C-alpha cells in the first residue's frame, strides 16, 4: 500500500524556522513603510498650498501606516500558512508512522503465525512418524510372534498363529498380501503325508482346512467389511482338501501342480487376470457359474472325477492342452475367446450342450472315450476337430457352425449325428471316417464311401 506522505528520513523537510526570520520580516515591513512614508512626505512638501500640503502629509502618513500594516499582515498570513503546512505534514507523518507500525505489527503477527503453523506441522509430522514407527514395530512384533506360532509342533498353537495372522491382516491393510503369502507358503510346505501318527494327521488336516478358510473368507467382494482386494494366491504345488472358493474373487491365482483332494468348488467365483491350473489334479470339481476376465490355463490338468462348468462365462482364452477329464460338463457355458483342447482326453461323458463359442474352438487330436455331446452348441468362428477320436456317441444335433469346420481325419467309433445342424461353410471332411456298423447323420452335402467292412469314409459330394 502506498501513501502520499513525506519521507521521515528527509531532515530538511522538518527543519525549524529560526526566530530571527520573524524579526527580519517585521523590520522589513517597518523599513518599507518608512520608505513609502518618506517618499510620500517629500511629495507632499512640494505642494504650494499650505492646506493641500497638510492634507497630503496626513494622507502620506496614513498610507505609510497602511503599507506597514499590510506588509505585517502578509507576513502574518505567511506564518499562518507555514503553520498550517507544518500541521498537515505532522499529521501525514503521524499517519505514515501509524500505518508503518500497523504494517510492521501485521508482518510480525503473520511471521508468528507462520512459525507457529510450521512448528505445529513439524510436531504433527514428528508425532505421525513416531506413531508410524511404533505401529510398524508393533506389527512386526505381532507378525514375528504369529509366524513363530505357525511353526510350532502343536496343531492348536499353529491354529492360534493362523488366527493371529488373520487379525493382523484385517487391522493392517498393508500387511494383507504378506500374510496371505505366509499362509500360502505354510500350505505349500506342510502336508499330512509328512506325519506318521494318525492323530497328528487329523490335527494337521484341520489346520490346513483352517488356513484354506482363512484365505477364502476374505475374498468375497460383496462382504465389504472383511474383503481383502487385490490379494493374490500362490498355491502352486499345494495339497488342498475340499477347497471351497465359491463366490470369491481370485486375482492372478496360481494353482500350478496343486493336488485338490475331495470336492473343489469355485461356484460363482470370479477370476481376474490369469487363473493357472496347469498340471493340477482334481478328484471332483464344481465350477458352475465361474466367470473369468483373463486366461484360464488347464494344460496337463487331471480331473479324476466329475467336473462341471455349467453356466460358466470365460472372458479370456481357455487352454486345456493334454488335459484329462473323466466326466465333464460345459452346458450353457459361454466362451468369449479362443478355446484350445488339443490332445485333451475325456474318459467319460463330455457335454457342451447349448454352449456358445464366440471365438475359435480347437480339439485337435483329442479323445472322447464316451459320449460327446454338442447339442445346440453355437460356434461363431472356426471349429477344429482334426485327428479327433470319438469312441462313444457324438451328437452335434441342432448345432450352429458359422465359421469353418474341420473334421479332417477325425474318427467316429460309435454313432455320429449332425441332425438339424447348420453349417454356413462347407465342412472339411478330408480322410474323416466312421464305423460302418452304426447309423449316422452327416452334415448336408456330405456322403460316405465304404473303406472296408468296418469303416466308411466321409466324402464332400458338393462340386
Protein backbone atom coordinates (compact mmCIF):
# COMPACT_ATOMS: atom_id res chain seq x y z
CA UNK A 1 0.00 0.00 0.00
CA UNK A 2 1.35 3.45 -0.98
CA UNK A 3 0.79 6.68 0.96
CA UNK A 4 1.45 10.24 -0.34
CA UNK A 5 3.37 11.31 2.75
CA UNK A 6 6.66 12.99 3.39
CA UNK A 7 9.64 10.80 3.81
CA UNK A 8 10.53 10.88 7.54
CA UNK A 9 14.21 10.35 6.65
CA UNK A 10 14.47 13.86 5.00
CA UNK A 11 15.53 16.16 7.88
CA UNK A 12 15.37 19.37 5.74
CA UNK A 13 11.60 18.94 5.38
CA UNK A 14 11.25 19.11 9.16
CA UNK A 15 13.73 21.97 9.81
CA UNK A 16 12.53 24.53 12.46
CA UNK A 17 12.37 28.18 11.22
CA UNK A 18 14.80 30.43 13.20
CA UNK A 19 13.15 33.18 15.35
CA UNK A 20 15.08 35.93 13.68
CA UNK A 21 13.22 35.27 10.41
CA UNK A 22 10.20 36.91 12.07
CA UNK A 23 12.26 39.81 13.35
CA UNK A 24 13.72 40.43 9.91
CA UNK A 25 10.24 40.36 8.44
CA UNK A 26 8.96 42.90 10.96
CA UNK A 27 11.95 45.16 10.33
CA UNK A 28 11.44 44.86 6.57
CA UNK A 29 7.79 45.81 6.98
CA UNK A 30 8.77 48.86 9.09
CA UNK A 31 11.51 49.80 6.65
CA UNK A 32 9.19 49.51 3.72
CA UNK A 33 6.58 51.63 5.49
CA UNK A 34 9.20 54.22 6.43
CA UNK A 35 10.44 54.45 2.84
CA UNK A 36 6.93 54.85 1.48
CA UNK A 37 6.14 57.44 4.17
CA UNK A 38 9.31 59.36 3.47
CA UNK A 39 8.65 59.34 -0.27
CA UNK A 40 5.06 60.48 0.16
CA UNK A 41 6.01 63.21 2.66
CA UNK A 42 8.58 64.51 0.21
CA UNK A 43 5.90 64.68 -2.47
CA UNK A 44 3.51 66.40 -0.07
CA UNK A 45 6.06 69.11 0.75
CA UNK A 46 6.13 70.14 -2.91
CA UNK A 47 2.57 71.35 -2.72
CA UNK A 48 2.20 75.15 -2.93
CA UNK A 49 -0.80 75.50 -0.71
CA UNK A 50 -0.43 75.04 2.99
CA UNK A 51 -3.79 73.34 3.30
CA UNK A 52 -3.03 70.99 0.46
CA UNK A 53 0.40 70.23 1.88
CA UNK A 54 -1.15 69.42 5.29
CA UNK A 55 -3.74 67.17 3.72
CA UNK A 56 -1.13 65.36 1.62
CA UNK A 57 1.08 64.86 4.66
CA UNK A 58 -1.80 63.27 6.58
CA UNK A 59 -2.55 61.03 3.59
CA UNK A 60 1.13 60.11 3.33
CA UNK A 61 1.26 59.13 6.99
CA UNK A 62 -1.92 57.10 6.59
CA UNK A 63 -0.56 55.39 3.51
CA UNK A 64 2.74 54.58 5.19
CA UNK A 65 0.99 53.05 8.15
CA UNK A 66 -1.21 51.10 5.76
CA UNK A 67 1.85 49.75 3.96
CA UNK A 68 3.38 48.71 7.28
CA UNK A 69 0.11 47.10 8.37
CA UNK A 70 -0.32 45.38 5.01
CA UNK A 71 3.22 44.07 5.00
CA UNK A 72 2.78 42.82 8.54
CA UNK A 73 -0.49 41.17 7.58
CA UNK A 74 1.18 39.49 4.66
CA UNK A 75 3.92 38.22 6.94
CA UNK A 76 1.27 37.00 9.37
CA UNK A 77 -0.52 35.15 6.54
CA UNK A 78 2.75 33.54 5.51
CA UNK A 79 3.38 32.44 9.07
CA UNK A 80 -0.16 31.07 9.34
CA UNK A 81 0.23 29.23 6.03
CA UNK A 82 3.52 27.76 7.20
CA UNK A 83 1.92 26.70 10.49
CA UNK A 84 -0.93 25.03 8.58
CA UNK A 85 1.54 23.27 6.28
CA UNK A 86 3.58 22.07 9.22
CA UNK A 87 0.44 20.85 10.93
CA UNK A 88 -0.61 18.91 7.82
CA UNK A 89 2.87 17.47 7.42
CA UNK A 90 2.87 16.43 11.06
CA UNK A 91 -0.50 14.75 10.56
CA UNK A 92 0.68 12.96 7.43
CA UNK A 93 3.84 11.94 9.21
CA UNK A 94 1.80 10.58 12.10
CA UNK A 95 -0.40 8.67 9.68
CA UNK A 96 2.68 7.30 7.96
CA UNK A 97 4.18 6.22 11.26
CA UNK A 98 0.85 4.68 12.35
CA UNK A 99 0.48 2.83 9.05
CA UNK A 100 4.07 1.63 9.15
CA UNK A 101 3.67 0.45 12.73
CA UNK A 102 0.43 -1.35 11.83
CA UNK A 103 2.05 -3.00 8.82
CA UNK A 104 5.03 -3.96 10.93
CA UNK A 105 2.76 -5.46 13.57
CA UNK A 106 0.89 -7.36 10.87
CA UNK A 107 4.14 -8.74 9.49
CA UNK A 108 5.22 -9.74 12.96
CA UNK A 109 1.83 -11.39 13.54
CA UNK A 110 1.98 -13.20 10.20
CA UNK A 111 5.52 -14.34 10.91
CA UNK A 112 4.49 -15.51 14.37
CA UNK A 113 1.55 -17.42 12.94
CA UNK A 114 3.74 -18.94 10.23
CA UNK A 115 6.30 -20.02 12.79
CA UNK A 116 3.53 -21.45 14.96
CA UNK A 117 1.99 -23.28 11.97
CA UNK A 118 5.37 -24.64 10.89
CA UNK A 119 6.12 -25.72 14.41
CA UNK A 120 2.74 -27.40 14.70
CA UNK A 121 3.19 -29.19 11.39
CA UNK A 122 6.63 -30.30 12.41
CA UNK A 123 5.28 -31.58 15.71
CA UNK A 124 2.41 -33.34 13.93
CA UNK A 125 4.85 -34.89 11.45
CA UNK A 126 7.10 -35.99 14.28
CA UNK A 127 4.07 -37.42 16.06
CA UNK A 128 2.92 -39.18 12.90
CA UNK A 129 6.36 -40.63 12.28
CA UNK A 130 6.58 -41.73 15.87
CA UNK A 131 3.15 -43.36 15.66
CA UNK A 132 4.06 -44.96 12.31
CA UNK A 133 7.32 -46.31 13.74
CA UNK A 134 5.50 -47.57 16.81
CA UNK A 135 2.82 -49.19 14.63
CA UNK A 136 5.42 -50.78 12.38
CA UNK A 137 7.32 -52.11 15.36
CA UNK A 138 4.10 -53.44 16.86
CA UNK A 139 3.04 -55.00 13.55
CA UNK A 140 6.47 -56.52 13.05
CA UNK A 141 6.43 -57.90 16.57
CA UNK A 142 2.94 -59.35 16.13
CA UNK A 143 3.86 -60.77 12.73
CA UNK A 144 7.02 -62.38 14.08
CA UNK A 145 5.18 -63.92 17.03
CA UNK A 146 2.37 -65.20 14.79
CA UNK A 147 4.84 -66.79 12.38
CA UNK A 148 6.63 -68.40 15.31
CA UNK A 149 3.31 -69.85 16.46
CA UNK A 150 2.64 -71.15 12.95
CA UNK A 151 5.91 -73.04 13.09
CA UNK A 152 5.03 -74.85 16.31
CA UNK A 153 4.83 -78.66 16.52
CA UNK A 154 1.43 -78.43 18.19
CA UNK A 155 -1.63 -78.10 15.99
CA UNK A 156 -3.51 -75.92 18.48
CA UNK A 157 -0.62 -73.46 18.58
CA UNK A 158 -0.50 -73.35 14.80
CA UNK A 159 -4.23 -72.59 14.75
CA UNK A 160 -3.57 -69.72 17.13
CA UNK A 161 -0.86 -68.46 14.80
CA UNK A 162 -3.27 -68.50 11.86
CA UNK A 163 -5.88 -66.51 13.77
CA UNK A 164 -3.23 -64.04 14.92
CA UNK A 165 -2.12 -63.51 11.32
CA UNK A 166 -5.72 -63.06 10.22
CA UNK A 167 -6.37 -60.38 12.86
CA UNK A 168 -3.14 -58.66 11.92
CA UNK A 169 -4.10 -58.55 8.23
CA UNK A 170 -7.66 -57.43 8.97
CA UNK A 171 -6.42 -54.46 11.02
CA UNK A 172 -3.50 -53.58 8.72
CA UNK A 173 -4.39 -53.49 5.03
CA UNK A 174 -0.75 -53.07 4.03
CA UNK A 175 0.13 -56.44 5.57
CA UNK A 176 -2.60 -58.50 3.89
CA UNK A 177 -0.62 -59.69 0.89
CA UNK A 178 2.30 -60.61 3.15
CA UNK A 179 0.02 -62.56 5.49
CA UNK A 180 -1.61 -64.33 2.55
CA UNK A 181 1.82 -65.20 1.15
CA UNK A 182 2.82 -66.69 4.53
CA UNK A 183 -0.37 -68.77 4.76
CA UNK A 184 0.11 -69.96 1.17
CA UNK A 185 3.70 -70.86 1.95
CA UNK A 186 2.54 -72.80 5.01
CA UNK A 187 0.12 -74.78 2.85
CA UNK A 188 2.85 -75.47 0.32
CA UNK A 189 5.39 -76.63 2.91
CA UNK A 190 3.24 -78.70 5.27
CA UNK A 191 1.47 -81.91 4.36
CA UNK A 192 -0.17 -84.60 6.39
CA UNK A 193 1.78 -87.19 4.46
CA UNK A 194 4.87 -85.96 6.33
CA UNK A 195 3.37 -87.13 9.62
CA UNK A 196 3.16 -90.77 10.62
CA UNK A 197 0.79 -90.59 13.58
CA UNK A 198 -2.91 -90.78 12.63
CA UNK A 199 -3.87 -88.25 15.32
CA UNK A 200 -1.23 -85.83 14.11
CA UNK A 201 -2.52 -86.26 10.55
CA UNK A 202 -6.05 -85.42 11.65
CA UNK A 203 -4.91 -82.35 13.55
CA UNK A 204 -2.73 -81.17 10.68
CA UNK A 205 -5.60 -81.65 8.25
CA UNK A 206 -7.78 -79.41 10.44
CA UNK A 207 -5.08 -76.74 10.50
CA UNK A 208 -4.83 -76.88 6.72
CA UNK A 209 -8.58 -76.55 6.34
CA UNK A 210 -8.50 -73.53 8.66
CA UNK A 211 -5.74 -71.99 6.56
CA UNK A 212 -7.83 -72.55 3.41
CA UNK A 213 -10.90 -70.95 5.01
CA UNK A 214 -8.77 -68.02 6.17
CA UNK A 215 -7.83 -67.35 2.55
CA UNK A 216 -11.27 -67.76 1.01
CA UNK A 217 -13.47 -65.94 3.55
CA UNK A 218 -11.68 -62.67 2.80
CA UNK A 219 -12.07 -62.95 -0.99
CA UNK A 220 -15.81 -62.24 -1.16
CA UNK A 221 -16.17 -58.82 -2.78
CA UNK A 222 -19.76 -58.48 -1.53
CA UNK A 223 -18.55 -58.61 2.09
CA UNK A 224 -17.02 -55.15 2.30
CA UNK A 225 -16.01 -55.34 5.96
CA UNK A 226 -13.87 -58.43 5.53
CA UNK A 227 -12.94 -58.25 1.84
CA UNK A 228 -9.23 -58.09 1.03
CA UNK A 229 -9.00 -56.71 -2.52
CA UNK A 230 -6.15 -57.37 -4.93
CA UNK A 231 -4.84 -60.29 -2.86
CA UNK A 232 -3.02 -62.90 -4.94
CA UNK A 233 -2.93 -66.59 -4.12
CA UNK A 234 0.18 -68.64 -4.83
CA UNK A 235 -0.84 -72.21 -4.11
CA UNK A 236 1.35 -73.90 -6.70
CA UNK A 237 2.17 -77.47 -5.73
CA UNK A 238 -0.14 -77.31 -2.72
CA UNK A 239 -2.39 -80.09 -1.45
CA UNK A 240 -5.84 -78.65 -0.78
CA UNK A 241 -8.65 -80.55 0.88
CA UNK A 242 -12.24 -79.72 -0.12
CA UNK A 243 -11.11 -76.30 -1.26
CA UNK A 244 -14.15 -74.01 -1.48
CA UNK A 245 -13.76 -70.61 -3.12
CA UNK A 246 -17.38 -70.23 -4.17
CA UNK A 247 -18.28 -66.60 -4.78
CA UNK A 248 -14.68 -65.49 -4.29
CA UNK A 249 -12.72 -63.06 -6.43
CA UNK A 250 -9.40 -64.60 -7.43
CA UNK A 251 -6.70 -62.27 -8.74
CA UNK A 252 -3.90 -63.92 -10.73
CA UNK A 253 -4.35 -67.10 -8.70
CA UNK A 254 -1.74 -69.82 -9.25
CA UNK A 255 -2.68 -73.45 -8.60
CA UNK A 256 0.00 -74.93 -10.86
CA UNK A 257 0.66 -78.54 -9.88
CA UNK A 258 -1.78 -78.34 -6.96
CA UNK A 259 -3.43 -81.52 -5.66
CA UNK A 260 -7.07 -80.77 -4.92
CA UNK A 261 -8.45 -83.57 -2.79
CA UNK A 262 -12.16 -84.06 -2.23
CA UNK A 263 -14.60 -81.63 -3.83
CA UNK A 264 -13.19 -78.40 -5.17
CA UNK A 265 -15.76 -75.64 -5.50
CA UNK A 266 -15.45 -72.41 -7.46
CA UNK A 267 -19.18 -71.96 -7.92
CA UNK A 268 -19.96 -68.38 -8.88
CA UNK A 269 -16.34 -67.36 -8.40
CA UNK A 270 -14.76 -64.62 -10.50
CA UNK A 271 -11.18 -64.83 -11.73
CA UNK A 272 -9.40 -61.60 -12.60
CA UNK A 273 -6.19 -61.87 -14.51
CA UNK A 274 -4.68 -65.30 -15.07
CA UNK A 275 -6.08 -68.40 -13.39
CA UNK A 276 -3.37 -71.06 -13.63
CA UNK A 277 -4.38 -74.70 -13.05
CA UNK A 278 -1.60 -76.25 -15.11
CA UNK A 279 -0.84 -79.86 -14.04
CA UNK A 280 -3.35 -79.54 -11.20
CA UNK A 281 -5.18 -82.73 -10.17
CA UNK A 282 -8.83 -82.78 -9.07
CA UNK A 283 -10.88 -85.52 -7.51
CA UNK A 284 -14.12 -83.65 -8.11
CA UNK A 285 -14.57 -80.10 -9.35
CA UNK A 286 -17.68 -77.91 -9.29
CA UNK A 287 -17.07 -74.69 -11.21
CA UNK A 288 -20.63 -73.87 -12.22
CA UNK A 289 -21.16 -70.16 -12.89
CA UNK A 290 -17.43 -69.40 -12.85
CA UNK A 291 -16.54 -66.17 -14.67
CA UNK A 292 -13.09 -65.21 -15.87
CA UNK A 293 -11.75 -61.98 -17.29
CA UNK A 294 -8.31 -63.34 -18.09
CA UNK A 295 -6.71 -66.54 -19.29
CA UNK A 296 -7.73 -69.90 -17.83
CA UNK A 297 -4.91 -72.43 -18.14
CA UNK A 298 -5.74 -76.12 -17.64
CA UNK A 299 -2.85 -77.59 -19.60
CA UNK A 300 -1.99 -81.13 -18.41
CA UNK A 301 -4.60 -80.88 -15.64
CA UNK A 302 -6.22 -84.12 -14.48
CA UNK A 303 -9.87 -84.32 -13.39
CA UNK A 304 -10.21 -87.74 -11.81
CA UNK A 305 -13.92 -87.35 -11.09
CA UNK A 306 -16.82 -85.28 -12.26
CA UNK A 307 -16.03 -81.72 -13.41
CA UNK A 308 -18.85 -79.28 -14.08
CA UNK A 309 -18.55 -75.83 -15.69
CA UNK A 310 -22.26 -75.34 -16.36
CA UNK A 311 -23.25 -71.72 -17.00
CA UNK A 312 -19.65 -70.53 -16.75
CA UNK A 313 -18.55 -67.42 -18.66
CA UNK A 314 -14.96 -67.35 -19.89
CA UNK A 315 -13.85 -63.86 -20.88
CA UNK A 316 -10.26 -64.76 -21.69
CA UNK A 317 -8.60 -67.60 -23.55
CA UNK A 318 -9.14 -71.14 -22.32
CA UNK A 319 -6.30 -73.59 -22.76
CA UNK A 320 -6.64 -77.23 -21.72
CA UNK A 321 -3.97 -78.87 -23.84
CA UNK A 322 -3.35 -82.53 -22.90
CA UNK A 323 -5.84 -82.18 -20.04
CA UNK A 324 -7.58 -85.36 -18.86
CA UNK A 325 -11.26 -85.27 -17.91
CA UNK A 326 -13.23 -88.18 -16.51
CA UNK A 327 -16.69 -86.66 -16.81
CA UNK A 328 -17.01 -83.02 -17.87
CA UNK A 329 -19.99 -80.75 -18.39
CA UNK A 330 -19.85 -77.31 -20.04
CA UNK A 331 -23.59 -76.99 -20.60
CA UNK A 332 -24.70 -73.42 -21.44
CA UNK A 333 -21.15 -72.14 -20.93
CA UNK A 334 -20.01 -69.11 -22.92
CA UNK A 335 -16.51 -68.69 -24.32
CA UNK A 336 -15.63 -65.16 -25.44
CA UNK A 337 -12.14 -66.04 -26.60
CA UNK A 338 -10.23 -68.91 -28.14
CA UNK A 339 -10.71 -72.38 -26.64
CA UNK A 340 -7.90 -74.89 -27.11
CA UNK A 341 -8.44 -78.53 -26.09
CA UNK A 342 -5.78 -80.04 -28.31
CA UNK A 343 -4.85 -83.60 -27.26
CA UNK A 344 -7.33 -83.41 -24.37
CA UNK A 345 -8.87 -86.69 -23.26
CA UNK A 346 -12.39 -87.26 -21.96
CA UNK A 347 -12.59 -90.75 -20.48
CA UNK A 348 -16.27 -90.43 -19.60
CA UNK A 349 -19.12 -88.28 -20.88
CA UNK A 350 -18.36 -84.80 -22.19
CA UNK A 351 -21.24 -82.38 -22.63
CA UNK A 352 -21.18 -78.95 -24.30
CA UNK A 353 -24.94 -78.67 -24.70
CA UNK A 354 -26.06 -75.16 -25.71
CA UNK A 355 -22.53 -73.83 -25.18
CA UNK A 356 -21.59 -70.71 -27.15
CA UNK A 357 -18.13 -70.26 -28.65
CA UNK A 358 -17.69 -66.65 -29.73
CA UNK A 359 -14.18 -67.34 -31.00
CA UNK A 360 -12.22 -70.29 -32.28
CA UNK A 361 -12.60 -73.80 -30.86
CA UNK A 362 -9.97 -76.48 -31.30
CA UNK A 363 -9.84 -80.05 -30.04
CA UNK A 364 -7.29 -81.41 -32.48
CA UNK A 365 -6.05 -84.92 -31.68
CA UNK A 366 -8.45 -85.03 -28.77
CA UNK A 367 -10.09 -88.19 -27.50
CA UNK A 368 -13.71 -88.64 -26.39
CA UNK A 369 -13.77 -92.14 -24.90
CA UNK A 370 -17.50 -91.99 -24.15
CA UNK A 371 -20.45 -89.80 -25.05
CA UNK A 372 -19.58 -86.41 -26.62
CA UNK A 373 -22.48 -84.01 -26.78
CA UNK A 374 -22.53 -80.67 -28.62
CA UNK A 375 -26.30 -80.47 -28.96
CA UNK A 376 -27.46 -76.91 -29.62
CA UNK A 377 -23.91 -75.54 -29.36
CA UNK A 378 -23.04 -72.41 -31.34
CA UNK A 379 -19.66 -71.97 -33.00
CA UNK A 380 -19.32 -68.37 -34.25
CA UNK A 381 -15.78 -68.93 -35.53
CA UNK A 382 -13.63 -71.87 -36.55
CA UNK A 383 -14.29 -75.32 -35.09
CA UNK A 384 -11.41 -77.77 -35.43
CA UNK A 385 -11.86 -81.50 -34.75
CA UNK A 386 -8.91 -82.72 -36.81
CA UNK A 387 -7.50 -86.10 -35.81
CA UNK A 388 -10.04 -86.27 -33.01
CA UNK A 389 -11.23 -89.71 -31.93
CA UNK A 390 -14.87 -90.16 -30.86
CA UNK A 391 -15.00 -93.58 -29.24
CA UNK A 392 -18.55 -93.04 -27.95
CA UNK A 393 -21.62 -91.46 -29.48
CA UNK A 394 -21.03 -87.94 -30.85
CA UNK A 395 -24.04 -85.67 -31.10
CA UNK A 396 -23.96 -82.29 -32.87
CA UNK A 397 -27.71 -82.06 -33.32
CA UNK A 398 -29.06 -78.53 -33.88
CA UNK A 399 -25.57 -77.12 -33.51
CA UNK A 400 -24.77 -73.92 -35.42
CA UNK A 401 -21.44 -73.55 -37.21
CA UNK A 402 -20.95 -70.01 -38.51
CA UNK A 403 -17.28 -70.40 -39.39
CA UNK A 404 -15.03 -73.02 -40.86
CA UNK A 405 -15.48 -76.63 -39.67
CA UNK A 406 -12.61 -79.07 -39.93
CA UNK A 407 -13.25 -82.77 -39.35
CA UNK A 408 -10.19 -83.89 -41.22
CA UNK A 409 -9.00 -87.39 -40.21
CA UNK A 410 -11.47 -87.50 -37.34
CA UNK A 411 -12.67 -90.97 -36.32
CA UNK A 412 -16.19 -91.85 -35.15
CA UNK A 413 -16.17 -95.27 -33.47
CA UNK A 414 -19.84 -95.06 -32.46
CA UNK A 415 -22.90 -93.22 -33.69
CA UNK A 416 -22.42 -89.69 -35.05
CA UNK A 417 -25.33 -87.30 -35.57
CA UNK A 418 -25.37 -83.83 -37.12
CA UNK A 419 -29.16 -83.81 -37.39
CA UNK A 420 -30.54 -80.29 -37.62
CA UNK A 421 -27.04 -78.79 -37.57
CA UNK A 422 -26.48 -75.60 -39.52
CA UNK A 423 -23.22 -75.03 -41.39
CA UNK A 424 -22.69 -71.79 -43.29
CA UNK A 425 -19.50 -73.10 -44.84
CA UNK A 426 -18.65 -76.44 -46.37
CA UNK A 427 -17.01 -78.68 -43.72
CA UNK A 428 -13.62 -80.17 -44.35
CA UNK A 429 -14.04 -83.93 -44.02
CA UNK A 430 -10.74 -84.92 -45.59
CA UNK A 431 -9.97 -88.57 -44.64
CA UNK A 432 -12.54 -88.50 -41.83
CA UNK A 433 -14.04 -91.92 -41.22
CA UNK A 434 -16.72 -93.63 -39.15
CA UNK A 435 -17.64 -97.12 -38.10
CA UNK A 436 -19.72 -98.96 -40.65
CA UNK A 437 -21.99 -100.75 -38.19
CA UNK A 438 -23.81 -97.60 -36.98
CA UNK A 439 -26.44 -95.33 -38.47
CA UNK A 440 -25.04 -91.83 -38.82
CA UNK A 441 -26.48 -88.46 -39.73
CA UNK A 442 -23.94 -86.31 -41.55
CA UNK A 443 -23.98 -82.59 -42.45
CA UNK A 444 -25.78 -81.60 -45.60
CA UNK A 445 -23.62 -82.15 -48.67
CA UNK A 446 -21.60 -84.93 -47.08
CA UNK A 447 -21.81 -88.56 -48.18
CA UNK A 448 -19.82 -91.67 -47.36
CA UNK A 449 -17.89 -94.30 -49.19
CA UNK A 450 -17.02 -97.73 -47.96
CA UNK A 451 -13.40 -98.15 -46.94
CA UNK A 452 -13.63 -101.76 -45.72
CA UNK A 453 -16.03 -103.93 -43.78
CA UNK A 454 -15.51 -101.89 -40.60
CA UNK A 455 -15.10 -98.29 -41.79
CA UNK A 456 -16.69 -95.75 -44.07
CA UNK A 457 -15.06 -92.58 -45.33
CA UNK A 458 -16.77 -89.17 -45.38
CA UNK A 459 -16.86 -87.50 -48.77
CA UNK A 460 -17.85 -83.98 -49.76
CA UNK A 461 -20.25 -84.53 -52.65
CA UNK A 462 -20.75 -80.89 -53.48
CA UNK A 463 -18.94 -79.56 -56.59
